[in-house]
Amino acid sequence: MGINTLYDKKNANYSVLASDKTAQRVRTPTSYTKISITAEAISFSAGAAGTTGIVTLANTAVYDSTAGKLGSVGDTSFAWVTGTVLTTEVAYDQYLTDTAQLAAMANGEYAIDYDTGIIRYCKATTGTSDTCNYTIKAQRNDVNLEGVDV
C-alpha cells in the first residue's frame, strides 16, 4: 500500500491525505546530538620540519566551540592535545589547489576544511603523530509507530 500525499509546490510541503490511516500514525521527529570526539590519533608524514601533507579526520563537519555551526579559524572546537607538530591554524582557502595551499604554509601551520574534516599541514618538528579533540553533530531520527518506539 502506498502513501497518498499532496504536494504543495509553493511551500514545498507534503501533506498526508486523510484516507491514508497508516501514514497518519507515523511520526519522525529529528534532532541533532552533539558528540565530543576525544583523543583521536592522527599520523603525519615522516620527515623533517617543513614536511607537508594531508590527513583526514575520522568524522566530517567539525563544529565551533558551542556546536552551533561549522567551525572556523576564529571559533572552533578543534584542538591538538600536545600541539607541537602543528602549532598555528591558518584559514583554509577552498579556491586554492592542495599544492598551492601547502606551498603557502610556513612550518607548524595547518588549515582545516571544517566541512570535510581534511587537514592540510606543514610540520614544525620531526614528529609523526598527535591526538586531537573536536565536536561533531549526529542526526537522530526517532520513529514512532502507534506508540511503539523504533
Foldseek 3Di string as FASTA:
>chain_A
DDWDWDADVVVRDIDGDPVDPQVVQKDKDKDKDKDKDWFAKDFADADFFFDKDKDAGPDAQFCFPVNPHGHFQVTGQKDWPVLQFAPHEDEDDPVDDLVVVSVPDDGRYWYAPNGGRMIIHGTNGRDTMTTMMTMDMDMDIWMAGNNDTD
